[in-house]
C-alpha cells in the first residue's frame, strides 16, 4: 500500500472525533489522499469495523466511482446513492441497509473498536450500479486494483 490516506480531523490509530460518530452529528470525516499510481482511472472506498461482535466486519460506508482527478472527500458527504460532488460518485449500502456513511457506534461497554477506511485505486473507470454492498463492490473491482491506502481510526463508548 503506497497511497497515503489521511484525515484532517484524526491521526492514524487515534480516535475518530465524536462529530463523525452516531453519538455526534454522524457525518463523514474529510479524507485526503496522495500517491496514487498515474494510471489510476477511478477510486473506491470502504469503511468497516472488524471489531464488531459478529462474524463479518460491520460496514459503515461504501463509496465508489470516484473520478481519478479527485484527491479528497469533504466532510458530510450526503447519504444519497448518486452524488453531485464528486461528480459521478456512487454510494452503496452499509450494514444498516442504507446508502452513505454511518459513523462509529460500537456497543456500549464493548471497548475500543477500530475503523478501517480503505481506498482502492482502480485501473479502469468501472460502470457500476448504485447501492452495491461491500462484497459486491469487492467482486466488481477484483483484478482492477492498482494500489490501496488505509487509514485506521478508533472509537469507544
N, C-alpha and C. Protein backbone atom coordinates (compact mmCIF):
# COMPACT_ATOMS: atom_id res chain seq x y z
N UNK A 1 0.84 -1.19 0.00
CA UNK A 1 0.00 0.00 0.00
C UNK A 1 0.88 1.24 0.00
N UNK A 2 0.77 2.00 -1.06
CA UNK A 2 1.58 3.22 -1.13
C UNK A 2 0.74 4.49 -1.15
N UNK A 3 -0.57 4.35 -1.31
CA UNK A 3 -1.42 5.54 -1.25
C UNK A 3 -1.48 6.00 0.20
N UNK A 4 -1.28 7.29 0.42
CA UNK A 4 -1.36 7.86 1.77
C UNK A 4 -2.77 8.44 1.96
N UNK A 5 -3.55 7.80 2.79
CA UNK A 5 -4.92 8.23 3.08
C UNK A 5 -4.91 8.89 4.45
N UNK A 6 -5.38 10.13 4.52
CA UNK A 6 -5.35 10.88 5.77
C UNK A 6 -6.67 11.61 5.99
N UNK A 7 -6.83 12.12 7.20
CA UNK A 7 -7.96 12.98 7.54
C UNK A 7 -7.43 14.14 8.36
N UNK A 8 -7.98 15.32 8.13
CA UNK A 8 -7.55 16.48 8.93
C UNK A 8 -8.16 16.47 10.32
N UNK A 9 -9.11 15.54 10.58
CA UNK A 9 -9.77 15.53 11.88
C UNK A 9 -9.26 14.45 12.84
N UNK A 10 -8.50 13.47 12.34
CA UNK A 10 -7.90 12.49 13.25
C UNK A 10 -6.65 11.88 12.60
N UNK A 11 -5.73 11.51 13.45
CA UNK A 11 -4.47 10.90 13.03
C UNK A 11 -4.63 9.38 12.99
N UNK A 12 -3.75 8.67 12.26
CA UNK A 12 -3.82 7.21 12.22
C UNK A 12 -3.80 6.59 13.62
N UNK A 13 -4.68 5.63 13.80
CA UNK A 13 -4.81 4.88 15.05
C UNK A 13 -5.24 5.72 16.25
N UNK A 14 -5.80 6.88 15.97
CA UNK A 14 -6.31 7.77 17.01
C UNK A 14 -7.83 7.81 16.94
N UNK A 15 -8.49 8.31 17.99
CA UNK A 15 -9.95 8.34 18.00
C UNK A 15 -10.56 9.19 16.89
N UNK A 16 -11.64 8.67 16.33
CA UNK A 16 -12.46 9.42 15.38
C UNK A 16 -13.24 10.44 16.21
N UNK A 17 -13.24 11.72 15.84
CA UNK A 17 -13.97 12.71 16.63
C UNK A 17 -15.47 12.38 16.74
N UNK A 18 -16.04 12.71 17.88
CA UNK A 18 -17.45 12.42 18.16
C UNK A 18 -18.36 12.93 17.05
N UNK A 19 -18.01 14.06 16.45
CA UNK A 19 -18.83 14.64 15.37
C UNK A 19 -19.11 13.62 14.26
N UNK A 20 -18.16 12.73 14.02
CA UNK A 20 -18.27 11.76 12.93
C UNK A 20 -18.82 10.41 13.38
N UNK A 21 -19.42 10.37 14.59
CA UNK A 21 -19.97 9.13 15.14
C UNK A 21 -21.47 9.26 15.34
N UNK A 22 -22.09 8.14 15.67
CA UNK A 22 -23.52 8.13 15.97
C UNK A 22 -23.83 8.97 17.21
N UNK A 23 -22.84 9.16 18.07
CA UNK A 23 -23.04 9.97 19.28
C UNK A 23 -22.96 11.47 19.00
N UNK A 24 -22.56 11.84 17.80
CA UNK A 24 -22.45 13.24 17.41
C UNK A 24 -23.37 13.53 16.24
N UNK A 25 -22.83 14.23 15.24
CA UNK A 25 -23.62 14.60 14.06
C UNK A 25 -23.72 13.47 13.04
N UNK A 26 -22.90 12.45 13.20
CA UNK A 26 -22.91 11.28 12.31
C UNK A 26 -22.66 11.68 10.85
N UNK A 27 -21.70 12.58 10.64
CA UNK A 27 -21.32 12.99 9.29
C UNK A 27 -19.95 12.41 8.96
N UNK A 28 -19.75 12.12 7.69
CA UNK A 28 -18.48 11.53 7.26
C UNK A 28 -17.34 12.50 7.51
N UNK A 29 -16.16 11.97 7.84
CA UNK A 29 -15.00 12.84 8.05
C UNK A 29 -14.39 13.25 6.71
N UNK A 30 -13.65 14.35 6.69
CA UNK A 30 -12.93 14.70 5.48
C UNK A 30 -11.78 13.72 5.29
N UNK A 31 -11.56 13.32 4.06
CA UNK A 31 -10.46 12.41 3.73
C UNK A 31 -9.67 12.99 2.56
N UNK A 32 -8.36 12.80 2.60
CA UNK A 32 -7.50 13.24 1.52
C UNK A 32 -6.54 12.09 1.19
N UNK A 33 -6.08 12.04 -0.05
CA UNK A 33 -5.11 11.02 -0.41
C UNK A 33 -4.11 11.54 -1.43
N UNK A 34 -2.96 10.87 -1.43
CA UNK A 34 -1.87 11.21 -2.34
C UNK A 34 -1.10 9.94 -2.63
N UNK A 35 -0.37 9.94 -3.73
CA UNK A 35 0.49 8.82 -4.06
C UNK A 35 -0.18 7.73 -4.88
N UNK A 36 -1.33 8.01 -5.47
CA UNK A 36 -1.97 7.00 -6.32
C UNK A 36 -1.18 6.84 -7.62
N UNK A 37 -1.19 5.65 -8.19
CA UNK A 37 -0.49 5.44 -9.46
C UNK A 37 -1.02 6.36 -10.56
N UNK A 38 -0.15 6.77 -11.45
CA UNK A 38 -0.52 7.68 -12.53
C UNK A 38 -1.62 7.09 -13.43
N UNK A 39 -1.66 5.77 -13.54
CA UNK A 39 -2.66 5.14 -14.41
C UNK A 39 -4.01 4.91 -13.74
N UNK A 40 -4.21 5.46 -12.55
CA UNK A 40 -5.49 5.35 -11.86
C UNK A 40 -6.60 6.00 -12.69
N UNK A 41 -7.71 5.30 -12.84
CA UNK A 41 -8.86 5.82 -13.59
C UNK A 41 -10.07 6.09 -12.69
N UNK A 42 -10.04 5.52 -11.48
CA UNK A 42 -11.18 5.67 -10.58
C UNK A 42 -10.76 5.20 -9.19
N UNK A 43 -11.50 5.68 -8.16
CA UNK A 43 -11.26 5.25 -6.78
C UNK A 43 -12.55 4.66 -6.19
N UNK A 44 -12.35 3.80 -5.21
CA UNK A 44 -13.45 3.26 -4.41
C UNK A 44 -12.98 3.26 -2.96
N UNK A 45 -13.91 3.40 -2.02
CA UNK A 45 -13.56 3.43 -0.61
C UNK A 45 -14.57 2.63 0.20
N UNK A 46 -14.05 1.87 1.15
CA UNK A 46 -14.88 1.10 2.07
C UNK A 46 -14.41 1.40 3.49
N UNK A 47 -15.36 1.64 4.38
CA UNK A 47 -15.06 1.81 5.80
C UNK A 47 -15.80 0.73 6.56
N UNK A 48 -15.07 -0.03 7.38
CA UNK A 48 -15.73 -1.04 8.18
C UNK A 48 -15.08 -1.21 9.54
N UNK A 49 -15.76 -1.98 10.39
CA UNK A 49 -15.35 -2.22 11.77
C UNK A 49 -15.16 -3.71 11.97
N UNK A 50 -13.89 -4.20 11.94
CA UNK A 50 -13.66 -5.63 12.14
C UNK A 50 -13.83 -6.08 13.60
N UNK A 51 -13.98 -5.14 14.53
CA UNK A 51 -14.14 -5.47 15.94
C UNK A 51 -15.60 -5.65 16.35
N UNK A 52 -16.51 -5.50 15.40
CA UNK A 52 -17.93 -5.68 15.71
C UNK A 52 -18.17 -7.12 16.17
N UNK A 53 -19.06 -7.31 17.14
CA UNK A 53 -19.31 -8.65 17.67
C UNK A 53 -20.21 -9.47 16.73
N UNK A 54 -19.63 -9.83 15.59
CA UNK A 54 -20.33 -10.63 14.58
C UNK A 54 -19.29 -11.27 13.68
N UNK A 55 -19.66 -12.25 12.88
CA UNK A 55 -18.66 -12.94 12.05
C UNK A 55 -17.99 -12.05 11.00
N UNK A 56 -18.73 -11.13 10.41
CA UNK A 56 -18.19 -10.24 9.38
C UNK A 56 -18.04 -8.82 9.93
N UNK A 57 -17.08 -8.06 9.41
CA UNK A 57 -16.98 -6.66 9.85
C UNK A 57 -18.28 -5.90 9.58
N UNK A 58 -18.56 -4.93 10.44
CA UNK A 58 -19.73 -4.06 10.28
C UNK A 58 -19.34 -2.98 9.26
N UNK A 59 -20.10 -2.87 8.20
CA UNK A 59 -19.79 -1.93 7.12
C UNK A 59 -20.46 -0.59 7.41
N UNK A 60 -19.65 0.46 7.42
CA UNK A 60 -20.14 1.81 7.69
C UNK A 60 -20.28 2.68 6.45
N UNK A 61 -19.51 2.38 5.40
CA UNK A 61 -19.53 3.25 4.22
C UNK A 61 -18.99 2.49 3.02
N UNK A 62 -19.69 2.63 1.90
CA UNK A 62 -19.24 2.10 0.61
C UNK A 62 -19.46 3.23 -0.40
N UNK A 63 -18.38 3.73 -0.98
CA UNK A 63 -18.45 4.81 -1.96
C UNK A 63 -17.49 4.48 -3.09
N UNK A 64 -17.95 4.65 -4.33
CA UNK A 64 -17.15 4.23 -5.48
C UNK A 64 -17.50 5.09 -6.69
N UNK A 65 -16.78 4.85 -7.79
CA UNK A 65 -16.98 5.69 -8.96
C UNK A 65 -16.39 7.07 -8.77
N UNK A 66 -15.46 7.19 -7.82
CA UNK A 66 -14.82 8.49 -7.56
C UNK A 66 -13.82 8.74 -8.69
N UNK A 67 -13.98 9.84 -9.42
CA UNK A 67 -13.09 10.10 -10.56
C UNK A 67 -11.61 10.18 -10.15
N UNK A 68 -10.75 9.79 -11.07
CA UNK A 68 -9.31 9.74 -10.82
C UNK A 68 -8.71 11.09 -10.44
N UNK A 69 -9.29 12.18 -10.92
CA UNK A 69 -8.73 13.50 -10.62
C UNK A 69 -9.09 14.00 -9.22
N UNK A 70 -9.97 13.30 -8.53
CA UNK A 70 -10.37 13.67 -7.18
C UNK A 70 -9.34 13.11 -6.19
N UNK A 71 -8.93 13.94 -5.23
CA UNK A 71 -7.95 13.50 -4.22
C UNK A 71 -8.43 13.78 -2.81
N UNK A 72 -9.75 14.00 -2.65
CA UNK A 72 -10.29 14.28 -1.32
C UNK A 72 -11.80 14.13 -1.32
N UNK A 73 -12.33 13.81 -0.16
CA UNK A 73 -13.77 13.84 0.08
C UNK A 73 -14.01 14.84 1.19
N UNK A 74 -14.99 15.73 1.02
CA UNK A 74 -15.26 16.72 2.05
C UNK A 74 -15.99 16.08 3.24
N UNK A 75 -16.05 16.78 4.35
CA UNK A 75 -16.86 16.25 5.46
C UNK A 75 -18.34 16.30 5.09
N UNK A 76 -19.09 15.39 5.65
CA UNK A 76 -20.54 15.43 5.47
C UNK A 76 -21.02 15.08 4.07
N UNK A 77 -20.44 14.05 3.45
CA UNK A 77 -20.93 13.60 2.15
C UNK A 77 -22.40 13.21 2.31
N UNK A 78 -23.30 13.73 1.44
CA UNK A 78 -24.72 13.39 1.56
C UNK A 78 -24.96 11.89 1.47
N UNK A 79 -26.04 11.43 2.07
CA UNK A 79 -26.35 10.00 2.11
C UNK A 79 -27.19 9.53 0.92
N UNK A 80 -26.94 10.06 -0.24
CA UNK A 80 -27.68 9.64 -1.43
C UNK A 80 -26.86 8.65 -2.24
N UNK A 81 -27.55 7.85 -3.06
CA UNK A 81 -26.85 6.86 -3.88
C UNK A 81 -25.98 7.52 -4.95
N UNK A 82 -26.47 8.59 -5.54
CA UNK A 82 -25.75 9.30 -6.61
C UNK A 82 -25.34 10.67 -6.08
N UNK A 83 -24.06 10.98 -6.24
CA UNK A 83 -23.54 12.23 -5.70
C UNK A 83 -23.25 13.25 -6.80
N UNK A 84 -23.55 14.51 -6.51
CA UNK A 84 -23.19 15.59 -7.43
C UNK A 84 -21.71 15.91 -7.29
N UNK A 85 -21.18 15.78 -6.06
CA UNK A 85 -19.77 16.01 -5.78
C UNK A 85 -19.25 14.91 -4.89
N UNK A 86 -18.21 14.20 -5.25
CA UNK A 86 -17.58 14.29 -6.57
C UNK A 86 -18.52 13.76 -7.65
N UNK A 87 -18.51 14.45 -8.78
CA UNK A 87 -19.40 14.14 -9.89
C UNK A 87 -19.22 12.69 -10.33
N UNK A 88 -20.32 11.97 -10.41
CA UNK A 88 -20.29 10.59 -10.87
C UNK A 88 -20.10 9.56 -9.78
N UNK A 89 -19.76 9.99 -8.58
CA UNK A 89 -19.55 9.03 -7.49
C UNK A 89 -20.88 8.44 -7.05
N UNK A 90 -20.81 7.19 -6.63
CA UNK A 90 -21.98 6.45 -6.17
C UNK A 90 -21.74 5.92 -4.77
N UNK A 91 -22.82 5.69 -4.03
CA UNK A 91 -22.68 5.09 -2.72
C UNK A 91 -23.47 3.80 -2.65
N UNK A 92 -22.89 2.87 -1.91
CA UNK A 92 -23.53 1.58 -1.73
C UNK A 92 -24.19 1.48 -0.37
N UNK A 93 -24.59 0.27 -0.06
CA UNK A 93 -25.31 0.01 1.19
C UNK A 93 -24.34 -0.35 2.32
N UNK A 94 -24.62 0.23 3.49
CA UNK A 94 -23.88 -0.15 4.69
C UNK A 94 -24.63 -1.29 5.38
N UNK A 95 -24.15 -1.74 6.52
CA UNK A 95 -24.79 -2.86 7.20
C UNK A 95 -26.19 -2.51 7.70
N UNK A 96 -26.50 -1.25 7.87
CA UNK A 96 -27.85 -0.82 8.25
C UNK A 96 -28.82 -0.97 7.07
N UNK A 97 -28.27 -1.24 5.86
CA UNK A 97 -29.10 -1.33 4.67
C UNK A 97 -29.40 0.01 4.04
N UNK A 98 -28.62 1.04 4.43
CA UNK A 98 -28.82 2.40 3.94
C UNK A 98 -27.66 2.81 3.04
N UNK A 99 -27.91 3.80 2.20
CA UNK A 99 -26.85 4.38 1.37
C UNK A 99 -26.09 5.42 2.17
N UNK A 100 -24.80 5.49 1.93
CA UNK A 100 -23.99 6.54 2.52
C UNK A 100 -23.35 6.16 3.84
N UNK A 101 -22.75 7.15 4.43
CA UNK A 101 -21.96 6.99 5.65
C UNK A 101 -22.83 6.88 6.89
N UNK A 102 -22.45 5.96 7.76
CA UNK A 102 -22.96 5.90 9.13
C UNK A 102 -21.72 5.72 10.01
N UNK A 103 -21.59 6.55 11.02
CA UNK A 103 -20.39 6.59 11.81
C UNK A 103 -20.27 5.52 12.88
N UNK A 104 -19.12 5.51 13.55
CA UNK A 104 -18.87 4.56 14.62
C UNK A 104 -19.99 4.56 15.66
N UNK A 105 -20.37 3.35 16.07
CA UNK A 105 -21.43 3.18 17.06
C UNK A 105 -21.24 1.82 17.74
N UNK A 106 -20.07 1.59 18.34
CA UNK A 106 -19.86 0.27 18.96
C UNK A 106 -20.81 0.05 20.14
N UNK A 107 -21.13 -1.20 20.43
CA UNK A 107 -21.98 -1.44 21.60
C UNK A 107 -21.35 -0.84 22.86
N UNK A 108 -22.16 -0.24 23.68
CA UNK A 108 -21.65 0.35 24.93
C UNK A 108 -20.98 -0.72 25.77
N UNK A 109 -19.81 -0.38 26.29
CA UNK A 109 -19.07 -1.30 27.13
C UNK A 109 -18.28 -2.36 26.37
N UNK A 110 -18.27 -2.29 25.04
CA UNK A 110 -17.59 -3.30 24.23
C UNK A 110 -16.12 -2.94 23.98
N UNK A 111 -15.68 -1.83 24.52
CA UNK A 111 -14.28 -1.44 24.36
C UNK A 111 -14.03 -0.66 23.09
N UNK A 112 -12.76 -0.49 22.82
CA UNK A 112 -12.30 0.29 21.67
C UNK A 112 -12.46 -0.52 20.38
N UNK A 113 -13.10 0.08 19.39
CA UNK A 113 -13.23 -0.53 18.08
C UNK A 113 -12.35 0.23 17.09
N UNK A 114 -11.82 -0.50 16.10
CA UNK A 114 -11.02 0.09 15.04
C UNK A 114 -11.88 0.24 13.79
N UNK A 115 -11.72 1.36 13.12
CA UNK A 115 -12.48 1.66 11.91
C UNK A 115 -11.50 1.82 10.77
N UNK A 116 -11.60 0.91 9.80
CA UNK A 116 -10.68 0.88 8.67
C UNK A 116 -11.31 1.59 7.48
N UNK A 117 -10.65 2.64 7.02
CA UNK A 117 -11.01 3.31 5.78
C UNK A 117 -10.01 2.79 4.74
N UNK A 118 -10.49 2.10 3.71
CA UNK A 118 -9.60 1.55 2.68
C UNK A 118 -9.95 2.17 1.34
N UNK A 119 -8.95 2.80 0.73
CA UNK A 119 -9.12 3.43 -0.57
C UNK A 119 -8.45 2.54 -1.62
N UNK A 120 -9.17 2.28 -2.70
CA UNK A 120 -8.66 1.45 -3.78
C UNK A 120 -8.50 2.30 -5.04
N UNK A 121 -7.32 2.28 -5.65
CA UNK A 121 -7.08 2.91 -6.94
C UNK A 121 -7.32 1.86 -8.01
N UNK A 122 -8.18 2.18 -8.97
CA UNK A 122 -8.58 1.22 -9.99
C UNK A 122 -8.01 1.58 -11.36
N UNK A 123 -7.74 0.56 -12.16
CA UNK A 123 -7.14 0.77 -13.48
C UNK A 123 -8.15 1.07 -14.56
N UNK A 124 -9.43 1.10 -14.21
CA UNK A 124 -10.49 1.30 -15.17
C UNK A 124 -11.62 2.08 -14.52
N UNK A 125 -12.30 2.90 -15.32
CA UNK A 125 -13.49 3.59 -14.82
C UNK A 125 -14.66 2.63 -14.98
N UNK A 126 -14.96 1.91 -13.92
CA UNK A 126 -15.98 0.88 -13.97
C UNK A 126 -17.39 1.48 -13.99
N UNK A 127 -18.25 0.88 -14.79
CA UNK A 127 -19.66 1.29 -14.85
C UNK A 127 -20.43 0.39 -13.90
N UNK A 128 -20.69 0.88 -12.71
CA UNK A 128 -21.38 0.09 -11.68
C UNK A 128 -22.69 0.74 -11.30
N UNK A 129 -23.62 -0.06 -10.83
CA UNK A 129 -24.91 0.45 -10.37
C UNK A 129 -24.75 1.02 -8.97
N UNK A 130 -25.57 1.97 -8.59
CA UNK A 130 -25.55 2.45 -7.21
C UNK A 130 -26.12 1.38 -6.28
N UNK A 131 -25.81 1.50 -4.99
CA UNK A 131 -26.40 0.61 -4.00
C UNK A 131 -25.70 -0.71 -3.79
N UNK A 132 -24.47 -0.86 -4.28
CA UNK A 132 -23.75 -2.12 -4.07
C UNK A 132 -23.38 -2.30 -2.61
N UNK A 133 -23.39 -3.53 -2.16
CA UNK A 133 -22.88 -3.85 -0.83
C UNK A 133 -21.38 -4.08 -0.93
N UNK A 134 -20.71 -4.11 0.20
CA UNK A 134 -19.25 -4.27 0.24
C UNK A 134 -18.77 -5.45 -0.60
N UNK A 135 -19.35 -6.62 -0.40
CA UNK A 135 -18.92 -7.81 -1.13
C UNK A 135 -19.11 -7.68 -2.63
N UNK A 136 -20.20 -7.06 -3.03
CA UNK A 136 -20.46 -6.84 -4.46
C UNK A 136 -19.43 -5.90 -5.06
N UNK A 137 -19.08 -4.85 -4.32
CA UNK A 137 -18.07 -3.93 -4.81
C UNK A 137 -16.71 -4.62 -4.90
N UNK A 138 -16.34 -5.36 -3.87
CA UNK A 138 -15.05 -6.06 -3.91
C UNK A 138 -15.00 -7.05 -5.07
N UNK A 139 -16.09 -7.72 -5.36
CA UNK A 139 -16.13 -8.62 -6.51
C UNK A 139 -15.94 -7.84 -7.81
N UNK A 140 -16.60 -6.68 -7.92
CA UNK A 140 -16.54 -5.88 -9.15
C UNK A 140 -15.16 -5.30 -9.40
N UNK A 141 -14.43 -4.95 -8.34
CA UNK A 141 -13.11 -4.33 -8.53
C UNK A 141 -11.98 -5.36 -8.58
N UNK A 142 -12.30 -6.62 -8.32
CA UNK A 142 -11.26 -7.65 -8.36
C UNK A 142 -10.57 -7.65 -9.72
N UNK A 143 -9.25 -7.64 -9.70
CA UNK A 143 -8.48 -7.61 -10.93
C UNK A 143 -8.25 -6.20 -11.47
N UNK A 144 -8.83 -5.20 -10.83
CA UNK A 144 -8.68 -3.82 -11.28
C UNK A 144 -7.94 -2.94 -10.28
N UNK A 145 -7.56 -3.48 -9.14
CA UNK A 145 -6.93 -2.69 -8.08
C UNK A 145 -5.44 -2.51 -8.38
N UNK A 146 -5.04 -1.25 -8.58
CA UNK A 146 -3.64 -0.91 -8.81
C UNK A 146 -2.88 -0.75 -7.50
N UNK A 147 -3.54 -0.16 -6.52
CA UNK A 147 -2.91 0.12 -5.25
C UNK A 147 -4.00 0.43 -4.23
N UNK A 148 -3.60 0.43 -2.96
CA UNK A 148 -4.53 0.70 -1.87
C UNK A 148 -3.88 1.64 -0.86
N UNK A 149 -4.72 2.29 -0.09
CA UNK A 149 -4.29 3.08 1.05
C UNK A 149 -5.24 2.81 2.18
N UNK A 150 -4.76 2.94 3.41
CA UNK A 150 -5.64 2.68 4.55
C UNK A 150 -5.38 3.69 5.66
N UNK A 151 -6.46 4.10 6.28
CA UNK A 151 -6.42 4.94 7.48
C UNK A 151 -7.28 4.24 8.51
N UNK A 152 -6.74 4.06 9.70
CA UNK A 152 -7.48 3.41 10.78
C UNK A 152 -7.70 4.41 11.90
N UNK A 153 -8.95 4.56 12.29
CA UNK A 153 -9.30 5.37 13.45
C UNK A 153 -9.94 4.46 14.49
N UNK A 154 -10.18 4.99 15.67
CA UNK A 154 -10.80 4.18 16.71
C UNK A 154 -11.93 4.97 17.38
N UNK A 155 -12.76 4.23 18.11
CA UNK A 155 -13.81 4.87 18.88
C UNK A 155 -14.26 3.91 19.98
N UNK A 156 -14.56 4.49 21.13
CA UNK A 156 -15.03 3.73 22.28
C UNK A 156 -16.16 4.52 22.93
N UNK A 157 -17.17 3.81 23.37
CA UNK A 157 -18.28 4.46 24.09
C UNK A 157 -18.09 4.26 25.57
